[in-house]
Amino acid sequence: MLLTSFQEDLIFGDKIKTKVILETSFSKEIRILLKAGQVMKQHQTKFPIVVHLLKGEIDFGVENTVHRIKEGDVLTLDANVPHDLSAIEDSVVRLTLSKSDDVARVEKVIEDSDQ
């Protein structure tokens, strides 16, 4: 058993921050901290994902439609669907990746978004 928290050390910065909170035999649980106004540019993944907004409010763009996601909302997204995120408030996002997906891919999206 491993016990950890998505709520510890919530320090929002000038850049979007990610942290692998938990890795299981079937998934990777990633925390993404977005300060109000920060944006993750459009991207996609080869695997389905689950996005759970633990704190804050974001606009989640999918296929030319923007969905306002509020604290507590959870969504699924199929593989190869372009999407983007814009933080309305300081936000804590839980991203569930397939075990086959690569955390470095997420970090690259964030790096590209910060430029």
PDB file of N, CA and C in Angstrom:
ATOM      1  N   MET A   1       0.847  -1.183   0.000  1.00  0.00           N
ATOM      2  CA  MET A   1       0.000   0.000   0.000  1.00  0.00           C
ATOM      3  C   MET A   1       0.885   1.236   0.000  1.00  0.00           C
ATOM      4  N   LEU A   2       0.420   2.232  -0.733  1.00  0.00           N
ATOM      5  CA  LEU A   2       1.108   3.515  -0.774  1.00  0.00           C
ATOM      6  C   LEU A   2       0.073   4.592  -0.520  1.00  0.00           C
ATOM      7  N   LEU A   3       0.347   5.460   0.440  1.00  0.00           N
ATOM      8  CA  LEU A   3      -0.556   6.563   0.763  1.00  0.00           C
ATOM      9  C   LEU A   3       0.133   7.866   0.411  1.00  0.00           C
ATOM     10  N   THR A   4      -0.540   8.689  -0.363  1.00  0.00           N
ATOM     11  CA  THR A   4       0.022   9.971  -0.781  1.00  0.00           C
ATOM     12  C   THR A   4      -1.117  10.973  -0.925  1.00  0.00           C
ATOM     13  N   SER A   5      -0.806  12.208  -1.292  1.00  0.00           N
ATOM     14  CA  SER A   5      -1.843  13.238  -1.353  1.00  0.00           C
ATOM     15  C   SER A   5      -1.652  14.155  -2.554  1.00  0.00           C
ATOM     16  N   PHE A   6      -2.757  14.523  -3.172  1.00  0.00           N
ATOM     17  CA  PHE A   6      -2.749  15.516  -4.237  1.00  0.00           C
ATOM     18  C   PHE A   6      -2.742  16.929  -3.669  1.00  0.00           C
ATOM     19  N   GLN A   7      -3.008  17.077  -2.362  1.00  0.00           N
ATOM     20  CA  GLN A   7      -3.204  18.390  -1.756  1.00  0.00           C
ATOM     21  C   GLN A   7      -1.979  18.937  -1.029  1.00  0.00           C
ATOM     22  N   GLU A   8      -0.905  18.171  -0.915  1.00  0.00           N
ATOM     23  CA  GLU A   8       0.289  18.636  -0.214  1.00  0.00           C
ATOM     24  C   GLU A   8       1.160  19.488  -1.129  1.00  0.00           C
ATOM     25  N   ASP A   9       1.793  20.498  -0.551  1.00  0.00           N
ATOM     26  CA  ASP A   9       2.763  21.336  -1.264  1.00  0.00           C
ATOM     27  C   ASP A   9       2.188  21.972  -2.520  1.00  0.00           C
ATOM     28  N   LEU A  10       1.019  22.593  -2.398  1.00  0.00           N
ATOM     29  CA  LEU A  10       0.396  23.268  -3.539  1.00  0.00           C
ATOM     30  C   LEU A  10       1.005  24.655  -3.694  1.00  0.00           C
ATOM     31  N   ILE A  11       2.053  24.736  -4.497  1.00  0.00           N
ATOM     32  CA  ILE A  11       2.738  26.006  -4.733  1.00  0.00           C
ATOM     33  C   ILE A  11       2.607  26.322  -6.222  1.00  0.00           C
ATOM     34  N   PHE A  12       1.781  27.321  -6.526  1.00  0.00           N
ATOM     35  CA  PHE A  12       1.566  27.736  -7.907  1.00  0.00           C
ATOM     36  C   PHE A  12       2.677  28.691  -8.306  1.00  0.00           C
ATOM     37  N   GLY A  13       3.195  28.526  -9.517  1.00  0.00           N
ATOM     38  CA  GLY A  13       4.313  29.352  -9.949  1.00  0.00           C
ATOM     39  C   GLY A  13       4.083  29.987 -11.300  1.00  0.00           C
ATOM     40  N   ASP A  14       5.136  30.575 -11.821  1.00  0.00           N
ATOM     41  CA  ASP A  14       5.078  31.232 -13.125  1.00  0.00           C
ATOM     42  C   ASP A  14       4.947  30.221 -14.257  1.00  0.00           C
ATOM     43  N   LYS A  15       5.270  28.974 -13.979  1.00  0.00           N
ATOM     44  CA  LYS A  15       5.139  27.914 -14.967  1.00  0.00           C
ATOM     45  C   LYS A  15       4.217  26.837 -14.423  1.00  0.00           C
ATOM     46  N   ILE A  16       3.540  26.141 -15.319  1.00  0.00           N
ATOM     47  CA  ILE A  16       2.691  25.017 -14.941  1.00  0.00           C
ATOM     48  C   ILE A  16       3.577  23.944 -14.316  1.00  0.00           C
ATOM     49  N   LYS A  17       3.102  23.353 -13.224  1.00  0.00           N
ATOM     50  CA  LYS A  17       3.890  22.341 -12.524  1.00  0.00           C
ATOM     51  C   LYS A  17       3.192  20.986 -12.587  1.00  0.00           C
ATOM     52  N   THR A  18       3.994  19.935 -12.782  1.00  0.00           N
ATOM     53  CA  THR A  18       3.470  18.577 -12.750  1.00  0.00           C
ATOM     54  C   THR A  18       4.226  17.754 -11.719  1.00  0.00           C
ATOM     55  N   LYS A  19       3.547  16.742 -11.219  1.00  0.00           N
ATOM     56  CA  LYS A  19       4.196  15.820 -10.288  1.00  0.00           C
ATOM     57  C   LYS A  19       3.497  14.473 -10.394  1.00  0.00           C
ATOM     58  N   VAL A  20       4.277  13.410 -10.515  1.00  0.00           N
ATOM     59  CA  VAL A  20       3.715  12.061 -10.465  1.00  0.00           C
ATOM     60  C   VAL A  20       3.411  11.782  -9.006  1.00  0.00           C
ATOM     61  N   ILE A  21       2.121  11.621  -8.716  1.00  0.00           N
ATOM     62  CA  ILE A  21       1.692  11.389  -7.336  1.00  0.00           C
ATOM     63  C   ILE A  21       1.695   9.902  -7.009  1.00  0.00           C
ATOM     64  N   LEU A  22       1.322   9.098  -7.999  1.00  0.00           N
ATOM     65  CA  LEU A  22       1.168   7.667  -7.752  1.00  0.00           C
ATOM     66  C   LEU A  22       1.291   6.918  -9.063  1.00  0.00           C
ATOM     67  N   GLU A  23       1.997   5.806  -9.029  1.00  0.00           N
ATOM     68  CA  GLU A  23       2.057   4.932 -10.199  1.00  0.00           C
ATOM     69  C   GLU A  23       1.634   3.540  -9.757  1.00  0.00           C
ATOM     70  N   THR A  24       0.659   2.988 -10.465  1.00  0.00           N
ATOM     71  CA  THR A  24       0.144   1.661 -10.133  1.00  0.00           C
ATOM     72  C   THR A  24       0.500   0.691 -11.249  1.00  0.00           C
ATOM     73  N   SER A  25       0.009  -0.523 -11.141  1.00  0.00           N
ATOM     74  CA  SER A  25       0.272  -1.516 -12.179  1.00  0.00           C
ATOM     75  C   SER A  25      -0.501  -1.218 -13.459  1.00  0.00           C
ATOM     76  N   PHE A  26      -1.479  -0.299 -13.400  1.00  0.00           N
ATOM     77  CA  PHE A  26      -2.301  -0.026 -14.581  1.00  0.00           C
ATOM     78  C   PHE A  26      -2.412   1.452 -14.944  1.00  0.00           C
ATOM     79  N   SER A  27      -1.951   2.370 -14.073  1.00  0.00           N
ATOM     80  CA  SER A  27      -2.095   3.795 -14.385  1.00  0.00           C
ATOM     81  C   SER A  27      -0.991   4.622 -13.752  1.00  0.00           C
ATOM     82  N   LYS A  28      -0.934   5.877 -14.220  1.00  0.00           N
ATOM     83  CA  LYS A  28      -0.066   6.896 -13.629  1.00  0.00           C
ATOM     84  C   LYS A  28      -0.967   8.054 -13.245  1.00  0.00           C
ATOM     85  N   GLU A  29      -0.874   8.499 -11.994  1.00  0.00           N
ATOM     86  CA  GLU A  29      -1.690   9.594 -11.493  1.00  0.00           C
ATOM     87  C   GLU A  29      -0.796  10.832 -11.381  1.00  0.00           C
ATOM     88  N   ILE A  30      -1.125  11.844 -12.165  1.00  0.00           N
ATOM     89  CA  ILE A  30      -0.307  13.042 -12.275  1.00  0.00           C
ATOM     90  C   ILE A  30      -1.070  14.230 -11.700  1.00  0.00           C
ATOM     91  N   ARG A  31      -0.380  15.078 -10.942  1.00  0.00           N
ATOM     92  CA  ARG A  31      -0.978  16.339 -10.484  1.00  0.00           C
ATOM     93  C   ARG A  31      -0.433  17.462 -11.354  1.00  0.00           C
ATOM     94  N   ILE A  32      -1.349  18.280 -11.859  1.00  0.00           N
ATOM     95  CA  ILE A  32      -0.973  19.451 -12.640  1.00  0.00           C
ATOM     96  C   ILE A  32      -1.485  20.676 -11.904  1.00  0.00           C
ATOM     97  N   LEU A  33      -0.578  21.613 -11.613  1.00  0.00           N
ATOM     98  CA  LEU A  33      -0.947  22.867 -10.967  1.00  0.00           C
ATOM     99  C   LEU A  33      -0.928  23.973 -12.012  1.00  0.00           C
ATOM    100  N   LEU A  34      -2.094  24.584 -12.227  1.00  0.00           N
ATOM    101  CA  LEU A  34      -2.214  25.694 -13.168  1.00  0.00           C
ATOM    102  C   LEU A  34      -2.640  26.932 -12.408  1.00  0.00           C
ATOM    103  N   LYS A  35      -1.832  27.959 -12.500  1.00  0.00           N
ATOM    104  CA  LYS A  35      -2.167  29.254 -11.917  1.00  0.00           C
ATOM    105  C   LYS A  35      -3.192  29.931 -12.831  1.00  0.00           C
ATOM    106  N   ALA A  36      -4.084  30.729 -12.262  1.00  0.00           N
ATOM    107  CA  ALA A  36      -5.087  31.440 -13.061  1.00  0.00           C
ATOM    108  C   ALA A  36      -4.412  32.100 -14.261  1.00  0.00           C
ATOM    109  N   GLY A  37      -4.971  31.879 -15.441  1.00  0.00           N
ATOM    110  CA  GLY A  37      -4.441  32.464 -16.665  1.00  0.00           C
ATOM    111  C   GLY A  37      -3.484  31.564 -17.434  1.00  0.00           C
ATOM    112  N   GLN A  38      -2.970  30.519 -16.804  1.00  0.00           N
ATOM    113  CA  GLN A  38      -2.049  29.632 -17.512  1.00  0.00           C
ATOM    114  C   GLN A  38      -2.815  28.712 -18.470  1.00  0.00           C
ATOM    115  N   VAL A  39      -2.145  28.352 -19.565  1.00  0.00           N
ATOM    116  CA  VAL A  39      -2.780  27.580 -20.635  1.00  0.00           C
ATOM    117  C   VAL A  39      -1.896  26.396 -21.013  1.00  0.00           C
ATOM    118  N   MET A  40      -2.520  25.237 -21.203  1.00  0.00           N
ATOM    119  CA  MET A  40      -1.858  24.114 -21.855  1.00  0.00           C
ATOM    120  C   MET A  40      -2.378  24.100 -23.285  1.00  0.00           C
ATOM    121  N   LYS A  41      -1.471  24.340 -24.240  1.00  0.00           N
ATOM    122  CA  LYS A  41      -1.858  24.402 -25.640  1.00  0.00           C
ATOM    123  C   LYS A  41      -2.449  23.073 -26.109  1.00  0.00           C
ATOM    124  N   GLN A  42      -3.112  23.132 -27.247  1.00  0.00           N
ATOM    125  CA  GLN A  42      -3.767  21.937 -27.794  1.00  0.00           C
ATOM    126  C   GLN A  42      -2.758  20.798 -27.975  1.00  0.00           C
ATOM    127  N   HIS A  43      -3.167  19.631 -27.555  1.00  0.00           N
ATOM    128  CA  HIS A  43      -2.351  18.434 -27.645  1.00  0.00           C
ATOM    129  C   HIS A  43      -3.264  17.214 -27.652  1.00  0.00           C
ATOM    130  N   GLN A  44      -2.685  16.042 -27.818  1.00  0.00           N
ATOM    131  CA  GLN A  44      -3.458  14.805 -27.780  1.00  0.00           C
ATOM    132  C   GLN A  44      -2.541  13.671 -27.345  1.00  0.00           C
ATOM    133  N   THR A  45      -3.131  12.534 -27.041  1.00  0.00           N
ATOM    134  CA  THR A  45      -2.374  11.371 -26.605  1.00  0.00           C
ATOM    135  C   THR A  45      -2.862  10.132 -27.344  1.00  0.00           C
ATOM    136  N   LYS A  46      -2.014   9.130 -27.412  1.00  0.00           N
ATOM    137  CA  LYS A  46      -2.363   7.878 -28.088  1.00  0.00           C
ATOM    138  C   LYS A  46      -3.246   6.986 -27.223  1.00  0.00           C
ATOM    139  N   PHE A  47      -3.480   7.415 -25.974  1.00  0.00           N
ATOM    140  CA  PHE A  47      -4.222   6.582 -25.031  1.00  0.00           C
ATOM    141  C   PHE A  47      -5.368   7.389 -24.419  1.00  0.00           C
ATOM    142  N   PRO A  48      -6.435   6.728 -23.979  1.00  0.00           N
ATOM    143  CA  PRO A  48      -7.502   7.454 -23.265  1.00  0.00           C
ATOM    144  C   PRO A  48      -6.964   8.032 -21.966  1.00  0.00           C
ATOM    145  N   ILE A  49      -7.593   9.120 -21.502  1.00  0.00           N
ATOM    146  CA  ILE A  49      -7.209   9.754 -20.237  1.00  0.00           C
ATOM    147  C   ILE A  49      -8.456  10.040 -19.411  1.00  0.00           C
ATOM    148  N   VAL A  50      -8.226  10.282 -18.123  1.00  0.00           N
ATOM    149  CA  VAL A  50      -9.261  10.768 -17.215  1.00  0.00           C
ATOM    150  C   VAL A  50      -8.722  12.054 -16.590  1.00  0.00           C
ATOM    151  N   VAL A  51      -9.551  13.091 -16.582  1.00  0.00           N
ATOM    152  CA  VAL A  51      -9.194  14.376 -15.985  1.00  0.00           C
ATOM    153  C   VAL A  51     -10.182  14.666 -14.869  1.00  0.00           C
ATOM    154  N   HIS A  52      -9.665  14.928 -13.666  1.00  0.00           N
ATOM    155  CA  HIS A  52     -10.490  15.195 -12.489  1.00  0.00           C
ATOM    156  C   HIS A  52     -10.017  16.520 -11.907  1.00  0.00           C
ATOM    157  N   LEU A  53     -10.899  17.487 -11.848  1.00  0.00           N
ATOM    158  CA  LEU A  53     -10.522  18.795 -11.302  1.00  0.00           C
ATOM    159  C   LEU A  53     -10.747  18.772  -9.793  1.00  0.00           C
ATOM    160  N   LEU A  54      -9.658  18.785  -9.045  1.00  0.00           N
ATOM    161  CA  LEU A  54      -9.727  18.710  -7.592  1.00  0.00           C
ATOM    162  C   LEU A  54      -9.972  20.073  -6.960  1.00  0.00           C
ATOM    163  N   LYS A  55      -9.489  21.132  -7.620  1.00  0.00           N
ATOM    164  CA  LYS A  55      -9.627  22.481  -7.081  1.00  0.00           C
ATOM    165  C   LYS A  55      -9.622  23.462  -8.240  1.00  0.00           C
ATOM    166  N   GLY A  56     -10.428  24.521  -8.128  1.00  0.00           N
ATOM    167  CA  GLY A  56     -10.390  25.599  -9.103  1.00  0.00           C
ATOM    168  C   GLY A  56     -11.447  25.497 -10.179  1.00  0.00           C
ATOM    169  N   GLU A  57     -11.108  26.084 -11.334  1.00  0.00           N
ATOM    170  CA  GLU A  57     -12.019  26.123 -12.473  1.00  0.00           C
ATOM    171  C   GLU A  57     -11.187  26.279 -13.738  1.00  0.00           C
ATOM    172  N   ILE A  58     -11.488  25.463 -14.761  1.00  0.00           N
ATOM    173  CA  ILE A  58     -10.762  25.533 -16.019  1.00  0.00           C
ATOM    174  C   ILE A  58     -11.726  25.510 -17.194  1.00  0.00           C
ATOM    175  N   ASP A  59     -11.269  26.041 -18.311  1.00  0.00           N
ATOM    176  CA  ASP A  59     -11.944  25.853 -19.591  1.00  0.00           C
ATOM    177  C   ASP A  59     -11.199  24.729 -20.295  1.00  0.00           C
ATOM    178  N   PHE A  60     -11.948  23.700 -20.691  1.00  0.00           N
ATOM    179  CA  PHE A  60     -11.391  22.516 -21.329  1.00  0.00           C
ATOM    180  C   PHE A  60     -11.911  22.492 -22.760  1.00  0.00           C
ATOM    181  N   GLY A  61     -11.029  22.738 -23.716  1.00  0.00           N
ATOM    182  CA  GLY A  61     -11.428  22.780 -25.115  1.00  0.00           C
ATOM    183  C   GLY A  61     -11.286  21.433 -25.785  1.00  0.00           C
ATOM    184  N   VAL A  62     -12.372  21.008 -26.454  1.00  0.00           N
ATOM    185  CA  VAL A  62     -12.375  19.745 -27.191  1.00  0.00           C
ATOM    186  C   VAL A  62     -13.152  19.956 -28.477  1.00  0.00           C
ATOM    187  N   GLU A  63     -12.498  19.686 -29.611  1.00  0.00           N
ATOM    188  CA  GLU A  63     -13.165  19.737 -30.910  1.00  0.00           C
ATOM    189  C   GLU A  63     -13.966  21.022 -31.095  1.00  0.00           C
ATOM    190  N   ASN A  64     -13.305  22.156 -30.924  1.00  0.00           N
ATOM    191  CA  ASN A  64     -13.887  23.489 -31.137  1.00  0.00           C
ATOM    192  C   ASN A  64     -15.011  23.853 -30.176  1.00  0.00           C
ATOM    193  N   THR A  65     -15.135  23.142 -29.059  1.00  0.00           N
ATOM    194  CA  THR A  65     -16.111  23.472 -28.023  1.00  0.00           C
ATOM    195  C   THR A  65     -15.369  23.609 -26.698  1.00  0.00           C
ATOM    196  N   VAL A  66     -15.675  24.695 -25.973  1.00  0.00           N
ATOM    197  CA  VAL A  66     -15.051  24.913 -24.671  1.00  0.00           C
ATOM    198  C   VAL A  66     -16.048  24.525 -23.579  1.00  0.00           C
ATOM    199  N   HIS A  67     -15.600  23.672 -22.674  1.00  0.00           N
ATOM    200  CA  HIS A  67     -16.419  23.201 -21.563  1.00  0.00           C
ATOM    201  C   HIS A  67     -15.860  23.810 -20.283  1.00  0.00           C
ATOM    202  N   ARG A  68     -16.696  24.463 -19.503  1.00  0.00           N
ATOM    203  CA  ARG A  68     -16.279  25.010 -18.211  1.00  0.00           C
ATOM    204  C   ARG A  68     -16.304  23.861 -17.200  1.00  0.00           C
ATOM    205  N   ILE A  69     -15.138  23.531 -16.672  1.00  0.00           N
ATOM    206  CA  ILE A  69     -14.990  22.436 -15.722  1.00  0.00           C
ATOM    207  C   ILE A  69     -14.800  23.050 -14.339  1.00  0.00           C
ATOM    208  N   LYS A  70     -15.597  22.575 -13.396  1.00  0.00           N
ATOM    209  CA  LYS A  70     -15.564  23.121 -12.032  1.00  0.00           C
ATOM    210  C   LYS A  70     -15.067  22.070 -11.050  1.00  0.00           C
ATOM    211  N   GLU A  71     -14.689  22.556  -9.887  1.00  0.00           N
ATOM    212  CA  GLU A  71     -14.169  21.701  -8.828  1.00  0.00           C
ATOM    213  C   GLU A  71     -15.047  20.472  -8.625  1.00  0.00           C
ATOM    214  N   GLY A  72     -14.406  19.307  -8.647  1.00  0.00           N
ATOM    215  CA  GLY A  72     -15.118  18.053  -8.449  1.00  0.00           C
ATOM    216  C   GLY A  72     -15.513  17.361  -9.744  1.00  0.00           C
ATOM    217  N   ASP A  73     -15.514  18.084 -10.868  1.00  0.00           N
ATOM    218  CA  ASP A  73     -15.885  17.476 -12.147  1.00  0.00           C
ATOM    219  C   ASP A  73     -14.809  16.493 -12.595  1.00  0.00           C
ATOM    220  N   VAL A  74     -15.254  15.448 -13.283  1.00  0.00           N
ATOM    221  CA  VAL A  74     -14.341  14.454 -13.835  1.00  0.00           C
ATOM    222  C   VAL A  74     -14.804  14.150 -15.258  1.00  0.00           C
ATOM    223  N   LEU A  75     -13.837  13.968 -16.161  1.00  0.00           N
ATOM    224  CA  LEU A  75     -14.193  13.671 -17.549  1.00  0.00           C
ATOM    225  C   LEU A  75     -13.240  12.639 -18.106  1.00  0.00           C
ATOM    226  N   THR A  76     -13.704  11.963 -19.144  1.00  0.00           N
ATOM    227  CA  THR A  76     -12.860  11.022 -19.868  1.00  0.00           C
ATOM    228  C   THR A  76     -12.682  11.537 -21.284  1.00  0.00           C
ATOM    229  N   LEU A  77     -11.571  11.168 -21.869  1.00  0.00           N
ATOM    230  CA  LEU A  77     -11.294  11.576 -23.233  1.00  0.00           C
ATOM    231  C   LEU A  77     -10.642  10.398 -23.944  1.00  0.00           C
ATOM    232  N   ASP A  78     -11.181  10.067 -25.118  1.00  0.00           N
ATOM    233  CA  ASP A  78     -10.621   8.971 -25.903  1.00  0.00           C
ATOM    234  C   ASP A  78      -9.254   9.346 -26.453  1.00  0.00           C
ATOM    235  N   ALA A  79      -8.534   8.373 -26.921  1.00  0.00           N
ATOM    236  CA  ALA A  79      -7.237   8.586 -27.538  1.00  0.00           C
ATOM    237  C   ALA A  79      -7.372   9.448 -28.793  1.00  0.00           C
ATOM    238  N   ASN A  80      -6.314  10.195 -29.091  1.00  0.00           N
ATOM    239  CA  ASN A  80      -6.195  10.971 -30.323  1.00  0.00           C
ATOM    240  C   ASN A  80      -7.221  12.086 -30.476  1.00  0.00           C
ATOM    241  N   VAL A  81      -7.752  12.604 -29.370  1.00  0.00           N
ATOM    242  CA  VAL A  81      -8.685  13.723 -29.413  1.00  0.00           C
ATOM    243  C   VAL A  81      -7.934  14.986 -28.985  1.00  0.00           C
ATOM    244  N   PRO A  82      -7.766  15.956 -29.889  1.00  0.00           N
ATOM    245  CA  PRO A  82      -7.084  17.196 -29.516  1.00  0.00           C
ATOM    246  C   PRO A  82      -7.860  17.948 -28.434  1.00  0.00           C
ATOM    247  N   HIS A  83      -7.118  18.481 -27.448  1.00  0.00           N
ATOM    248  CA  HIS A  83      -7.747  19.209 -26.352  1.00  0.00           C
ATOM    249  C   HIS A  83      -6.765  20.227 -25.782  1.00  0.00           C
ATOM    250  N   ASP A  84      -7.301  21.221 -25.067  1.00  0.00           N
ATOM    251  CA  ASP A  84      -6.481  22.240 -24.424  1.00  0.00           C
ATOM    252  C   ASP A  84      -7.132  22.631 -23.106  1.00  0.00           C
ATOM    253  N   LEU A  85      -6.343  23.269 -22.225  1.00  0.00           N
ATOM    254  CA  LEU A  85      -6.829  23.696 -20.913  1.00  0.00           C
ATOM    255  C   LEU A  85      -6.427  25.139 -20.668  1.00  0.00           C
ATOM    256  N   SER A  86      -7.338  25.916 -20.084  1.00  0.00           N
ATOM    257  CA  SER A  86      -7.053  27.284 -19.660  1.00  0.00           C
ATOM    258  C   SER A  86      -7.573  27.441 -18.240  1.00  0.00           C
ATOM    259  N   ALA A  87      -6.701  27.855 -17.326  1.00  0.00           N
ATOM    260  CA  ALA A  87      -7.098  28.002 -15.924  1.00  0.00           C
ATOM    261  C   ALA A  87      -7.826  29.326 -15.710  1.00  0.00           C
ATOM    262  N   ILE A  88      -9.039  29.257 -15.212  1.00  0.00           N
ATOM    263  CA  ILE A  88      -9.822  30.433 -14.845  1.00  0.00           C
ATOM    264  C   ILE A  88      -9.406  30.876 -13.441  1.00  0.00           C
ATOM    265  N   GLU A  89      -9.183  29.904 -12.571  1.00  0.00           N
ATOM    266  CA  GLU A  89      -8.711  30.116 -11.202  1.00  0.00           C
ATOM    267  C   GLU A  89      -7.477  29.233 -11.002  1.00  0.00           C
ATOM    268  N   ASP A  90      -6.725  29.464  -9.928  1.00  0.00           N
ATOM    269  CA  ASP A  90      -5.680  28.518  -9.567  1.00  0.00           C
ATOM    270  C   ASP A  90      -6.338  27.146  -9.466  1.00  0.00           C
ATOM    271  N   SER A  91      -5.774  26.161 -10.159  1.00  0.00           N
ATOM    272  CA  SER A  91      -6.445  24.867 -10.279  1.00  0.00           C
ATOM    273  C   SER A  91      -5.494  23.706 -10.044  1.00  0.00           C
ATOM    274  N   VAL A  92      -6.044  22.650  -9.447  1.00  0.00           N
ATOM    275  CA  VAL A  92      -5.332  21.401  -9.227  1.00  0.00           C
ATOM    276  C   VAL A  92      -6.041  20.338 -10.054  1.00  0.00           C
ATOM    277  N   VAL A  93      -5.323  19.777 -11.028  1.00  0.00           N
ATOM    278  CA  VAL A  93      -5.883  18.784 -11.940  1.00  0.00           C
ATOM    279  C   VAL A  93      -5.253  17.433 -11.646  1.00  0.00           C
ATOM    280  N   ARG A  94      -6.103  16.429 -11.540  1.00  0.00           N
ATOM    281  CA  ARG A  94      -5.630  15.047 -11.453  1.00  0.00           C
ATOM    282  C   ARG A  94      -5.775  14.440 -12.844  1.00  0.00           C
ATOM    283  N   LEU A  95      -4.661  14.036 -13.417  1.00  0.00           N
ATOM    284  CA  LEU A  95      -4.640  13.422 -14.735  1.00  0.00           C
ATOM    285  C   LEU A  95      -4.284  11.959 -14.583  1.00  0.00           C
ATOM    286  N   THR A  96      -5.161  11.092 -15.043  1.00  0.00           N
ATOM    287  CA  THR A  96      -4.908   9.661 -15.011  1.00  0.00           C
ATOM    288  C   THR A  96      -4.476   9.219 -16.400  1.00  0.00           C
ATOM    289  N   LEU A  97      -3.254   8.709 -16.478  1.00  0.00           N
ATOM    290  CA  LEU A  97      -2.703   8.211 -17.729  1.00  0.00           C
ATOM    291  C   LEU A  97      -2.667   6.694 -17.718  1.00  0.00           C
ATOM    292  N   SER A  98      -2.744   6.123 -18.904  1.00  0.00           N
ATOM    293  CA  SER A  98      -2.507   4.698 -19.072  1.00  0.00           C
ATOM    294  C   SER A  98      -1.077   4.383 -18.653  1.00  0.00           C
ATOM    295  N   LYS A  99      -0.860   3.215 -18.138  1.00  0.00           N
ATOM    296  CA  LYS A  99       0.491   2.769 -17.783  1.00  0.00           C
ATOM    297  C   LYS A  99       1.412   2.832 -19.008  1.00  0.00           C
ATOM    298  N   SER A 100       0.839   2.678 -20.204  1.00  0.00           N
ATOM    299  CA  SER A 100       1.620   2.702 -21.447  1.00  0.00           C
ATOM    300  C   SER A 100       2.000   4.111 -21.886  1.00  0.00           C
ATOM    301  N   ASP A 101       1.340   5.121 -21.324  1.00  0.00           N
ATOM    302  CA  ASP A 101       1.621   6.509 -21.690  1.00  0.00           C
ATOM    303  C   ASP A 101       2.886   6.972 -20.979  1.00  0.00           C
ATOM    304  N   ASP A 102       3.447   8.080 -21.456  1.00  0.00           N
ATOM    305  CA  ASP A 102       4.723   8.573 -20.947  1.00  0.00           C
ATOM    306  C   ASP A 102       4.542   9.938 -20.290  1.00  0.00           C
ATOM    307  N   VAL A 103       4.947  10.067 -19.054  1.00  0.00           N
ATOM    308  CA  VAL A 103       4.854  11.340 -18.332  1.00  0.00           C
ATOM    309  C   VAL A 103       5.669  12.421 -19.035  1.00  0.00           C
ATOM    310  N   ALA A 104       6.752  12.044 -19.673  1.00  0.00           N
ATOM    311  CA  ALA A 104       7.578  13.014 -20.397  1.00  0.00           C
ATOM    312  C   ALA A 104       6.777  13.701 -21.499  1.00  0.00           C
ATOM    313  N   ARG A 105       5.803  13.017 -22.063  1.00  0.00           N
ATOM    314  CA  ARG A 105       4.947  13.615 -23.080  1.00  0.00           C
ATOM    315  C   ARG A 105       4.171  14.777 -22.486  1.00  0.00           C
ATOM    316  N   VAL A 106       3.628  14.608 -21.294  1.00  0.00           N
ATOM    317  CA  VAL A 106       2.877  15.666 -20.610  1.00  0.00           C
ATOM    318  C   VAL A 106       3.804  16.843 -20.306  1.00  0.00           C
ATOM    319  N   GLU A 107       4.992  16.534 -19.829  1.00  0.00           N
ATOM    320  CA  GLU A 107       5.962  17.593 -19.507  1.00  0.00           C
ATOM    321  C   GLU A 107       6.352  18.384 -20.762  1.00  0.00           C
ATOM    322  N   LYS A 108       6.438  17.698 -21.906  1.00  0.00           N
ATOM    323  CA  LYS A 108       6.757  18.370 -23.172  1.00  0.00           C
ATOM    324  C   LYS A 108       5.617  19.306 -23.581  1.00  0.00           C
ATOM    325  N   VAL A 109       4.365  18.885 -23.406  1.00  0.00           N
ATOM    326  CA  VAL A 109       3.222  19.739 -23.708  1.00  0.00           C
ATOM    327  C   VAL A 109       3.292  21.011 -22.865  1.00  0.00           C
ATOM    328  N   ILE A 110       3.599  20.859 -21.590  1.00  0.00           N
ATOM    329  CA  ILE A 110       3.692  21.997 -20.685  1.00  0.00           C
ATOM    330  C   ILE A 110       4.852  22.905 -21.073  1.00  0.00           C
ATOM    331  N   GLU A 111       5.982  22.316 -21.401  1.00  0.00           N
ATOM    332  CA  GLU A 111       7.140  23.105 -21.833  1.00  0.00           C
ATOM    333  C   GLU A 111       6.792  23.922 -23.076  1.00  0.00           C
ATOM    334  N   ASP A 112       6.135  23.291 -24.042  1.00  0.00           N
ATOM    335  CA  ASP A 112       5.736  23.989 -25.273  1.00  0.00           C
ATOM    336  C   ASP A 112       4.710  25.081 -24.986  1.00  0.00           C
ATOM    337  N   SER A 113       3.843  24.861 -23.997  1.00  0.00           N
ATOM    338  CA  SER A 113       2.812  25.842 -23.647  1.00  0.00           C
ATOM    339  C   SER A 113       3.396  27.048 -22.946  1.00  0.00           C
ATOM    340  N   ASP A 114       4.487  26.862 -22.214  1.00  0.00           N
ATOM    341  CA  ASP A 114       5.104  27.946 -21.447  1.00  0.00           C
ATOM    342  C   ASP A 114       5.931  28.898 -22.322  1.00  0.00           C
ATOM    343  N   GLN A 115       6.151  28.537 -23.553  1.00  0.00           N
ATOM    344  CA  GLN A 115       6.974  29.391 -24.431  1.00  0.00           C
ATOM    345  C   GLN A 115       6.179  30.508 -25.046  1.00  0.00           C
TER     346      GLN A 115
END
